[in-house]
N, C-alpha and C. Protein backbone atom coordinates (compact mmCIF):
# COMPACT_ATOMS: atom_id res chain seq x y z
N MET A 1 52.75 -5.48 23.92
CA MET A 1 51.63 -5.10 23.08
C MET A 1 51.70 -5.80 21.73
N LYS A 2 52.91 -5.80 21.14
CA LYS A 2 53.08 -6.45 19.84
C LYS A 2 52.81 -7.94 19.94
N ALA A 3 53.19 -8.57 21.05
CA ALA A 3 52.95 -10.00 21.23
C ALA A 3 51.46 -10.30 21.31
N LYS A 4 50.68 -9.44 21.99
CA LYS A 4 49.23 -9.63 22.08
C LYS A 4 48.58 -9.46 20.70
N LEU A 5 49.03 -8.47 19.94
CA LEU A 5 48.49 -8.25 18.60
C LEU A 5 48.81 -9.43 17.70
N ALA A 6 50.02 -9.92 17.78
CA ALA A 6 50.41 -11.09 16.97
C ALA A 6 49.58 -12.31 17.35
N ALA A 7 49.34 -12.52 18.64
CA ALA A 7 48.53 -13.65 19.09
C ALA A 7 47.08 -13.50 18.60
N PHE A 8 46.54 -12.29 18.67
CA PHE A 8 45.19 -12.05 18.18
C PHE A 8 45.09 -12.33 16.68
N LEU A 9 46.02 -11.81 15.90
CA LEU A 9 46.01 -12.03 14.45
C LEU A 9 46.16 -13.51 14.11
N ALA A 10 46.99 -14.22 14.84
CA ALA A 10 47.16 -15.66 14.61
C ALA A 10 45.86 -16.40 14.89
N THR A 11 45.15 -16.00 15.94
CA THR A 11 43.86 -16.61 16.27
C THR A 11 42.85 -16.34 15.16
N MET A 12 42.82 -15.11 14.64
CA MET A 12 41.88 -14.77 13.57
C MET A 12 42.16 -15.57 12.30
N VAL A 13 43.42 -15.83 12.00
CA VAL A 13 43.76 -16.63 10.83
C VAL A 13 43.19 -18.04 10.97
N VAL A 14 43.17 -18.57 12.17
CA VAL A 14 42.61 -19.90 12.42
C VAL A 14 41.09 -19.86 12.37
N ILE A 15 40.47 -18.80 12.92
CA ILE A 15 39.01 -18.72 13.01
C ILE A 15 38.37 -18.37 11.67
N LEU A 16 38.92 -17.46 10.91
CA LEU A 16 38.28 -16.99 9.69
C LEU A 16 37.94 -18.08 8.69
N PRO A 17 38.79 -19.07 8.42
CA PRO A 17 38.39 -20.09 7.47
C PRO A 17 37.12 -20.83 7.88
N ALA A 18 36.86 -20.99 9.17
CA ALA A 18 35.65 -21.66 9.61
C ALA A 18 34.41 -20.85 9.20
N TYR A 19 34.49 -19.52 9.29
CA TYR A 19 33.37 -18.69 8.89
C TYR A 19 33.21 -18.64 7.38
N ALA A 20 34.30 -18.77 6.64
CA ALA A 20 34.24 -18.73 5.18
C ALA A 20 33.58 -19.96 4.59
N ALA A 21 33.40 -21.00 5.38
CA ALA A 21 32.84 -22.25 4.88
C ALA A 21 31.35 -22.15 4.55
N GLU A 22 30.63 -21.21 5.11
CA GLU A 22 29.20 -21.10 4.80
C GLU A 22 28.75 -19.65 4.85
N ILE A 23 27.63 -19.42 4.14
CA ILE A 23 27.00 -18.09 4.14
C ILE A 23 25.62 -18.28 4.76
N ARG A 24 25.29 -17.46 5.76
CA ARG A 24 23.99 -17.55 6.42
C ARG A 24 23.30 -16.18 6.40
N VAL A 25 22.02 -16.20 6.05
CA VAL A 25 21.19 -14.99 6.12
C VAL A 25 19.97 -15.38 6.94
N GLU A 26 19.80 -14.73 8.09
CA GLU A 26 18.69 -15.04 8.99
C GLU A 26 17.97 -13.75 9.35
N GLY A 27 16.75 -13.89 9.83
CA GLY A 27 16.00 -12.71 10.24
C GLY A 27 14.95 -12.32 9.22
N ALA A 28 14.80 -11.01 9.00
CA ALA A 28 13.75 -10.55 8.09
C ALA A 28 14.19 -9.35 7.26
N GLN A 29 13.78 -9.37 6.02
CA GLN A 29 13.86 -8.25 5.08
C GLN A 29 15.25 -7.64 4.92
N MET A 30 16.25 -8.49 4.77
CA MET A 30 17.58 -8.00 4.46
C MET A 30 17.84 -8.12 2.97
N SER A 31 18.65 -7.25 2.45
CA SER A 31 19.06 -7.30 1.06
C SER A 31 20.58 -7.47 1.04
N ARG A 32 21.05 -8.59 0.47
CA ARG A 32 22.49 -8.89 0.52
C ARG A 32 22.96 -9.51 -0.78
N ASP A 33 24.19 -9.21 -1.15
CA ASP A 33 24.87 -9.83 -2.28
C ASP A 33 26.09 -10.57 -1.73
N PHE A 34 26.31 -11.80 -2.22
CA PHE A 34 27.45 -12.61 -1.79
C PHE A 34 28.12 -13.24 -2.99
N THR A 35 29.40 -13.52 -2.86
CA THR A 35 30.12 -14.31 -3.85
C THR A 35 30.49 -15.63 -3.19
N CYS A 36 30.00 -16.73 -3.74
CA CYS A 36 30.34 -18.06 -3.23
C CYS A 36 31.73 -18.43 -3.73
N GLU A 37 32.50 -19.05 -2.87
CA GLU A 37 33.83 -19.49 -3.23
C GLU A 37 33.92 -21.00 -3.07
N ASP A 38 34.22 -21.67 -4.16
CA ASP A 38 34.50 -23.11 -4.14
C ASP A 38 33.44 -23.95 -3.42
N GLY A 39 32.19 -23.75 -3.77
CA GLY A 39 31.14 -24.62 -3.26
C GLY A 39 30.68 -24.31 -1.86
N GLN A 40 30.70 -23.07 -1.44
CA GLN A 40 30.23 -22.72 -0.10
C GLN A 40 28.76 -23.08 0.09
N TYR A 41 28.42 -23.55 1.27
CA TYR A 41 27.04 -23.82 1.67
C TYR A 41 26.36 -22.48 1.96
N VAL A 42 25.11 -22.33 1.51
CA VAL A 42 24.35 -21.11 1.75
C VAL A 42 23.02 -21.47 2.41
N ALA A 43 22.70 -20.81 3.52
CA ALA A 43 21.43 -21.03 4.22
C ALA A 43 20.72 -19.69 4.38
N ILE A 44 19.51 -19.62 3.85
CA ILE A 44 18.69 -18.42 3.94
C ILE A 44 17.43 -18.82 4.70
N SER A 45 17.14 -18.11 5.80
CA SER A 45 15.93 -18.43 6.56
C SER A 45 15.33 -17.14 7.11
N GLY A 46 14.06 -17.24 7.45
CA GLY A 46 13.35 -16.07 7.95
C GLY A 46 12.29 -15.64 6.97
N ALA A 47 12.20 -14.32 6.72
CA ALA A 47 11.16 -13.81 5.81
C ALA A 47 11.65 -12.58 5.06
N GLY A 48 11.30 -12.54 3.78
CA GLY A 48 11.44 -11.34 2.99
C GLY A 48 12.84 -10.92 2.59
N HIS A 49 13.81 -11.81 2.59
CA HIS A 49 15.17 -11.45 2.18
C HIS A 49 15.28 -11.33 0.66
N LYS A 50 16.17 -10.47 0.19
CA LYS A 50 16.53 -10.36 -1.22
C LYS A 50 18.02 -10.66 -1.30
N VAL A 51 18.35 -11.81 -1.88
CA VAL A 51 19.74 -12.27 -1.89
C VAL A 51 20.18 -12.55 -3.32
N VAL A 52 21.39 -12.09 -3.65
CA VAL A 52 22.01 -12.36 -4.94
C VAL A 52 23.31 -13.12 -4.65
N LEU A 53 23.43 -14.32 -5.24
CA LEU A 53 24.63 -15.14 -5.08
C LEU A 53 25.35 -15.22 -6.42
N THR A 54 26.61 -14.87 -6.44
CA THR A 54 27.42 -15.05 -7.63
C THR A 54 28.47 -16.10 -7.33
N GLY A 55 29.03 -16.68 -8.38
CA GLY A 55 30.05 -17.70 -8.19
C GLY A 55 29.45 -19.08 -8.10
N ARG A 56 30.28 -20.03 -7.66
CA ARG A 56 29.89 -21.44 -7.58
C ARG A 56 29.60 -21.80 -6.13
N CYS A 57 28.30 -21.89 -5.80
CA CYS A 57 27.87 -22.26 -4.45
C CYS A 57 27.72 -23.77 -4.35
N GLY A 58 27.79 -24.28 -3.15
CA GLY A 58 27.47 -25.68 -2.90
C GLY A 58 25.96 -25.79 -2.75
N ALA A 59 25.51 -26.47 -1.73
CA ALA A 59 24.07 -26.57 -1.47
C ALA A 59 23.55 -25.19 -1.05
N VAL A 60 22.41 -24.81 -1.63
CA VAL A 60 21.75 -23.56 -1.27
C VAL A 60 20.39 -23.93 -0.70
N SER A 61 20.14 -23.52 0.54
CA SER A 61 18.92 -23.87 1.26
C SER A 61 18.13 -22.59 1.56
N VAL A 62 16.87 -22.56 1.12
CA VAL A 62 16.00 -21.41 1.35
C VAL A 62 14.81 -21.88 2.17
N HIS A 63 14.66 -21.35 3.38
CA HIS A 63 13.55 -21.72 4.26
C HIS A 63 12.85 -20.45 4.72
N GLY A 64 11.54 -20.50 4.76
CA GLY A 64 10.79 -19.34 5.23
C GLY A 64 9.84 -18.84 4.16
N ALA A 65 9.57 -17.54 4.19
CA ALA A 65 8.56 -16.97 3.30
C ALA A 65 9.03 -15.70 2.62
N ASP A 66 8.53 -15.51 1.40
CA ASP A 66 8.68 -14.26 0.66
C ASP A 66 10.12 -13.86 0.35
N HIS A 67 11.02 -14.84 0.22
CA HIS A 67 12.40 -14.53 -0.17
C HIS A 67 12.49 -14.37 -1.68
N THR A 68 13.43 -13.55 -2.13
CA THR A 68 13.79 -13.43 -3.54
C THR A 68 15.26 -13.79 -3.64
N LEU A 69 15.58 -14.77 -4.49
CA LEU A 69 16.96 -15.24 -4.62
C LEU A 69 17.31 -15.38 -6.08
N SER A 70 18.50 -14.91 -6.43
CA SER A 70 19.08 -15.23 -7.73
C SER A 70 20.47 -15.78 -7.47
N PHE A 71 20.91 -16.71 -8.33
CA PHE A 71 22.22 -17.32 -8.13
C PHE A 71 22.80 -17.75 -9.47
N ASP A 72 24.13 -17.91 -9.50
CA ASP A 72 24.81 -18.39 -10.71
C ASP A 72 24.79 -19.91 -10.77
N THR A 73 25.40 -20.56 -9.77
CA THR A 73 25.52 -22.02 -9.75
C THR A 73 25.33 -22.53 -8.33
N ALA A 74 24.55 -23.61 -8.19
CA ALA A 74 24.36 -24.26 -6.89
C ALA A 74 24.51 -25.76 -7.07
N GLY A 75 25.25 -26.39 -6.18
CA GLY A 75 25.38 -27.85 -6.22
C GLY A 75 24.02 -28.50 -6.08
N GLU A 76 23.20 -27.96 -5.19
CA GLU A 76 21.81 -28.40 -5.00
C GLU A 76 21.03 -27.21 -4.48
N LEU A 77 19.76 -27.13 -4.83
CA LEU A 77 18.89 -26.06 -4.36
C LEU A 77 17.71 -26.69 -3.64
N VAL A 78 17.49 -26.26 -2.38
CA VAL A 78 16.35 -26.72 -1.59
C VAL A 78 15.53 -25.50 -1.22
N VAL A 79 14.25 -25.50 -1.61
CA VAL A 79 13.35 -24.39 -1.33
C VAL A 79 12.20 -24.95 -0.49
N SER A 80 12.08 -24.48 0.74
CA SER A 80 11.05 -24.96 1.65
C SER A 80 10.41 -23.75 2.32
N GLY A 81 9.15 -23.56 2.05
CA GLY A 81 8.47 -22.41 2.64
C GLY A 81 7.33 -21.98 1.76
N VAL A 82 6.98 -20.70 1.86
CA VAL A 82 5.82 -20.17 1.16
C VAL A 82 6.20 -18.91 0.40
N SER A 83 5.77 -18.85 -0.86
CA SER A 83 5.88 -17.65 -1.70
C SER A 83 7.32 -17.16 -1.89
N ASN A 84 8.24 -18.07 -2.07
CA ASN A 84 9.61 -17.70 -2.39
C ASN A 84 9.76 -17.61 -3.91
N GLN A 85 10.58 -16.68 -4.38
CA GLN A 85 10.82 -16.49 -5.81
C GLN A 85 12.31 -16.73 -6.07
N ILE A 86 12.60 -17.77 -6.83
CA ILE A 86 13.99 -18.14 -7.08
C ILE A 86 14.24 -18.12 -8.57
N GLU A 87 15.31 -17.43 -8.98
CA GLU A 87 15.71 -17.46 -10.37
C GLU A 87 17.21 -17.66 -10.39
N GLY A 88 17.61 -18.73 -11.06
CA GLY A 88 19.02 -19.03 -11.01
C GLY A 88 19.62 -19.42 -12.33
N GLY A 89 20.89 -19.66 -12.22
CA GLY A 89 21.63 -20.21 -13.33
C GLY A 89 21.42 -21.71 -13.34
N THR A 90 22.39 -22.45 -12.81
CA THR A 90 22.37 -23.91 -12.87
C THR A 90 22.40 -24.52 -11.48
N ALA A 91 21.54 -25.53 -11.25
CA ALA A 91 21.53 -26.28 -10.00
C ALA A 91 21.74 -27.75 -10.33
N GLY A 92 22.49 -28.46 -9.50
CA GLY A 92 22.75 -29.88 -9.71
C GLY A 92 21.59 -30.77 -9.32
N GLY A 93 20.70 -30.29 -8.48
CA GLY A 93 19.50 -31.00 -8.04
C GLY A 93 18.55 -29.98 -7.45
N LEU A 94 17.28 -30.37 -7.28
CA LEU A 94 16.28 -29.41 -6.84
C LEU A 94 15.22 -30.08 -5.99
N VAL A 95 14.93 -29.46 -4.84
CA VAL A 95 13.81 -29.87 -3.97
C VAL A 95 12.98 -28.62 -3.72
N VAL A 96 11.66 -28.73 -3.97
CA VAL A 96 10.74 -27.61 -3.71
C VAL A 96 9.58 -28.18 -2.91
N GLU A 97 9.33 -27.57 -1.73
CA GLU A 97 8.26 -28.08 -0.87
C GLU A 97 7.52 -26.96 -0.17
N VAL A 98 6.40 -27.25 0.39
CA VAL A 98 5.42 -26.44 1.12
C VAL A 98 4.47 -25.80 0.11
N ALA A 99 4.49 -24.47 -0.17
CA ALA A 99 3.44 -23.92 -1.04
C ALA A 99 3.84 -22.62 -1.73
N GLN A 100 3.32 -22.46 -2.94
CA GLN A 100 3.34 -21.22 -3.71
C GLN A 100 4.73 -20.67 -4.01
N ASN A 101 5.72 -21.54 -4.13
CA ASN A 101 7.05 -21.11 -4.51
C ASN A 101 7.15 -21.05 -6.03
N LYS A 102 7.94 -20.12 -6.55
CA LYS A 102 8.18 -20.00 -7.99
C LYS A 102 9.68 -20.15 -8.22
N VAL A 103 10.04 -21.13 -9.06
CA VAL A 103 11.45 -21.43 -9.29
C VAL A 103 11.71 -21.51 -10.79
N LYS A 104 12.73 -20.80 -11.23
CA LYS A 104 13.15 -20.84 -12.63
C LYS A 104 14.65 -21.10 -12.65
N VAL A 105 15.06 -22.32 -13.09
CA VAL A 105 16.47 -22.69 -13.09
C VAL A 105 16.79 -23.64 -14.24
N THR A 106 18.09 -23.77 -14.50
CA THR A 106 18.61 -24.83 -15.35
C THR A 106 19.11 -25.93 -14.43
N VAL A 107 18.82 -27.18 -14.77
CA VAL A 107 19.22 -28.30 -13.92
C VAL A 107 20.20 -29.18 -14.68
N LYS A 108 21.36 -29.39 -14.05
CA LYS A 108 22.38 -30.25 -14.65
C LYS A 108 23.25 -30.81 -13.54
N ALA A 109 23.37 -32.14 -13.52
CA ALA A 109 24.20 -32.81 -12.53
C ALA A 109 25.29 -33.62 -13.25
N ALA A 110 26.28 -34.04 -12.49
CA ALA A 110 27.35 -34.86 -13.07
C ALA A 110 26.79 -36.17 -13.61
N GLU A 111 25.80 -36.73 -12.93
CA GLU A 111 25.14 -37.97 -13.37
C GLU A 111 23.71 -37.62 -13.78
N THR A 112 22.73 -38.11 -13.04
CA THR A 112 21.33 -37.80 -13.30
C THR A 112 20.84 -36.82 -12.25
N ALA A 113 20.31 -35.68 -12.69
CA ALA A 113 19.77 -34.68 -11.77
C ALA A 113 18.43 -35.18 -11.24
N LYS A 114 18.17 -34.91 -9.95
CA LYS A 114 16.91 -35.30 -9.33
C LYS A 114 16.15 -34.03 -8.92
N ILE A 115 14.87 -34.01 -9.31
CA ILE A 115 13.99 -32.90 -8.97
C ILE A 115 12.82 -33.48 -8.19
N ASP A 116 12.57 -32.96 -6.98
CA ASP A 116 11.51 -33.45 -6.11
C ASP A 116 10.61 -32.27 -5.74
N VAL A 117 9.35 -32.35 -6.16
CA VAL A 117 8.39 -31.27 -5.91
C VAL A 117 7.25 -31.84 -5.08
N SER A 118 6.91 -31.15 -3.98
CA SER A 118 5.77 -31.56 -3.16
C SER A 118 5.11 -30.31 -2.59
N GLY A 119 4.00 -30.52 -1.91
CA GLY A 119 3.27 -29.39 -1.38
C GLY A 119 2.17 -28.97 -2.34
N ALA A 120 1.88 -27.67 -2.40
CA ALA A 120 0.77 -27.19 -3.23
C ALA A 120 1.12 -25.88 -3.93
N ASP A 121 0.58 -25.77 -5.13
CA ASP A 121 0.66 -24.53 -5.90
C ASP A 121 2.10 -24.06 -6.20
N GLN A 122 3.00 -24.99 -6.39
CA GLN A 122 4.38 -24.65 -6.79
C GLN A 122 4.38 -24.39 -8.30
N THR A 123 5.24 -23.48 -8.76
CA THR A 123 5.39 -23.22 -10.18
C THR A 123 6.87 -23.30 -10.52
N LEU A 124 7.23 -24.26 -11.37
CA LEU A 124 8.62 -24.43 -11.76
C LEU A 124 8.76 -24.29 -13.27
N GLU A 125 9.76 -23.55 -13.69
CA GLU A 125 10.11 -23.41 -15.09
C GLU A 125 11.56 -23.88 -15.21
N LEU A 126 11.74 -25.07 -15.83
CA LEU A 126 13.04 -25.73 -15.81
C LEU A 126 13.63 -25.86 -17.21
N THR A 127 14.94 -25.69 -17.29
CA THR A 127 15.70 -26.05 -18.48
C THR A 127 16.56 -27.23 -18.06
N LEU A 128 16.41 -28.35 -18.78
CA LEU A 128 17.16 -29.56 -18.45
C LEU A 128 18.40 -29.64 -19.32
N ALA A 129 19.57 -29.71 -18.69
CA ALA A 129 20.83 -29.71 -19.42
C ALA A 129 21.53 -31.06 -19.37
N GLY A 130 20.83 -32.08 -18.91
CA GLY A 130 21.38 -33.43 -18.82
C GLY A 130 20.28 -34.38 -18.36
N PRO A 131 20.63 -35.65 -18.17
CA PRO A 131 19.62 -36.63 -17.72
C PRO A 131 18.98 -36.18 -16.41
N THR A 132 17.64 -36.33 -16.34
CA THR A 132 16.90 -35.81 -15.19
C THR A 132 15.76 -36.73 -14.81
N GLN A 133 15.54 -36.86 -13.48
CA GLN A 133 14.37 -37.54 -12.94
C GLN A 133 13.52 -36.51 -12.21
N ILE A 134 12.22 -36.47 -12.53
CA ILE A 134 11.31 -35.53 -11.88
C ILE A 134 10.26 -36.32 -11.11
N GLU A 135 10.08 -35.98 -9.83
CA GLU A 135 9.02 -36.57 -9.02
C GLU A 135 8.15 -35.45 -8.47
N VAL A 136 6.84 -35.56 -8.71
CA VAL A 136 5.91 -34.53 -8.27
C VAL A 136 4.81 -35.18 -7.42
N GLN A 137 4.60 -34.64 -6.23
CA GLN A 137 3.53 -35.07 -5.32
C GLN A 137 2.80 -33.81 -4.87
N GLY A 138 1.68 -33.98 -4.19
CA GLY A 138 0.97 -32.82 -3.67
C GLY A 138 -0.19 -32.43 -4.55
N ALA A 139 -0.50 -31.12 -4.56
CA ALA A 139 -1.68 -30.65 -5.29
C ALA A 139 -1.40 -29.36 -6.06
N LYS A 140 -1.92 -29.33 -7.28
CA LYS A 140 -1.91 -28.14 -8.12
C LYS A 140 -0.51 -27.57 -8.37
N ASN A 141 0.48 -28.45 -8.48
CA ASN A 141 1.83 -28.02 -8.81
C ASN A 141 1.98 -27.99 -10.33
N VAL A 142 2.73 -27.01 -10.83
CA VAL A 142 2.97 -26.88 -12.27
C VAL A 142 4.47 -26.96 -12.51
N VAL A 143 4.88 -27.95 -13.31
CA VAL A 143 6.28 -28.10 -13.69
C VAL A 143 6.35 -28.05 -15.20
N GLU A 144 6.94 -26.99 -15.72
CA GLU A 144 7.14 -26.85 -17.16
C GLU A 144 8.63 -26.99 -17.41
N TRP A 145 8.97 -27.81 -18.41
CA TRP A 145 10.38 -28.04 -18.69
C TRP A 145 10.67 -27.99 -20.19
N ARG A 146 11.91 -27.68 -20.49
CA ARG A 146 12.41 -27.81 -21.84
C ARG A 146 13.79 -28.43 -21.72
N ALA A 147 14.17 -29.20 -22.73
CA ALA A 147 15.48 -29.85 -22.72
C ALA A 147 16.40 -29.14 -23.71
N GLU A 148 17.65 -28.96 -23.31
CA GLU A 148 18.63 -28.42 -24.23
C GLU A 148 18.83 -29.40 -25.38
N SER A 149 19.39 -28.93 -26.46
CA SER A 149 19.64 -29.75 -27.63
C SER A 149 20.41 -31.02 -27.26
N GLY A 150 19.90 -32.16 -27.72
CA GLY A 150 20.56 -33.44 -27.47
C GLY A 150 20.25 -34.09 -26.14
N VAL A 151 19.46 -33.44 -25.29
CA VAL A 151 19.11 -33.98 -23.98
C VAL A 151 17.75 -34.67 -24.09
N LYS A 152 17.69 -35.91 -23.60
CA LYS A 152 16.44 -36.68 -23.65
C LYS A 152 15.42 -36.13 -22.65
N ALA A 153 14.16 -36.44 -22.91
CA ALA A 153 13.08 -36.07 -21.99
C ALA A 153 13.34 -36.73 -20.63
N PRO A 154 12.92 -36.08 -19.55
CA PRO A 154 13.16 -36.64 -18.22
C PRO A 154 12.27 -37.85 -17.93
N SER A 155 12.70 -38.66 -16.97
CA SER A 155 11.77 -39.67 -16.45
C SER A 155 10.92 -38.94 -15.41
N VAL A 156 9.61 -39.24 -15.42
CA VAL A 156 8.68 -38.51 -14.56
C VAL A 156 7.85 -39.48 -13.73
N SER A 157 7.72 -39.17 -12.45
CA SER A 157 6.85 -39.90 -11.54
C SER A 157 5.96 -38.87 -10.87
N ALA A 158 4.64 -39.12 -10.87
CA ALA A 158 3.74 -38.12 -10.29
C ALA A 158 2.60 -38.78 -9.54
N GLY A 159 2.15 -38.12 -8.50
CA GLY A 159 1.00 -38.53 -7.72
C GLY A 159 0.35 -37.26 -7.19
N GLY A 160 -0.72 -37.41 -6.47
CA GLY A 160 -1.38 -36.24 -5.92
C GLY A 160 -2.59 -35.84 -6.72
N VAL A 161 -2.94 -34.55 -6.67
CA VAL A 161 -4.16 -34.05 -7.27
C VAL A 161 -3.87 -32.82 -8.15
N GLU A 162 -4.35 -32.84 -9.37
CA GLU A 162 -4.28 -31.71 -10.28
C GLU A 162 -2.87 -31.17 -10.52
N ASN A 163 -1.87 -32.03 -10.50
CA ASN A 163 -0.52 -31.60 -10.85
C ASN A 163 -0.38 -31.60 -12.36
N ARG A 164 0.43 -30.68 -12.89
CA ARG A 164 0.64 -30.60 -14.32
C ARG A 164 2.14 -30.57 -14.61
N ILE A 165 2.60 -31.52 -15.41
CA ILE A 165 3.99 -31.60 -15.83
C ILE A 165 3.99 -31.58 -17.34
N SER A 166 4.66 -30.57 -17.94
CA SER A 166 4.60 -30.47 -19.39
C SER A 166 5.88 -29.87 -19.97
N ARG A 167 6.09 -30.23 -21.25
CA ARG A 167 7.20 -29.63 -21.99
C ARG A 167 6.75 -28.24 -22.43
N ARG A 168 7.63 -27.29 -22.34
CA ARG A 168 7.28 -25.93 -22.80
C ARG A 168 7.98 -25.62 -24.09
């Protein structure tokens, strides 16, 4: 019996680190809090989740509709879907696509942060903490930004219809 228990525990020691490498939330309308450890990948998909991430996350991916997310730090944030509400600390890069997402974050990368916005009716409120490139495509997207002290204005590329990019 002790040998079987020891073998089971040894197997779990090998398996557990594989699960610790990423955080996944799937399905609908779950409310969860997680602590990211050393750049864990986070994937949120489905509809209506309320997720709070603390710690230093790696890439954070939000797909689906009506999610609410707050986070401390993300290596990169990707928001794809409809009517997601994201409020975070700092992201190293940002992609927002599809429609009607609201994102409020500070953006800072080791080099130049890249922000890519497409789709329609996106609303972004950004604080730029380092060099940044912003690209906006699609229709009726609003990107408002402010730069921290000593940070230059971003380089901006825009196309599409009725997009608005402005300093706040």
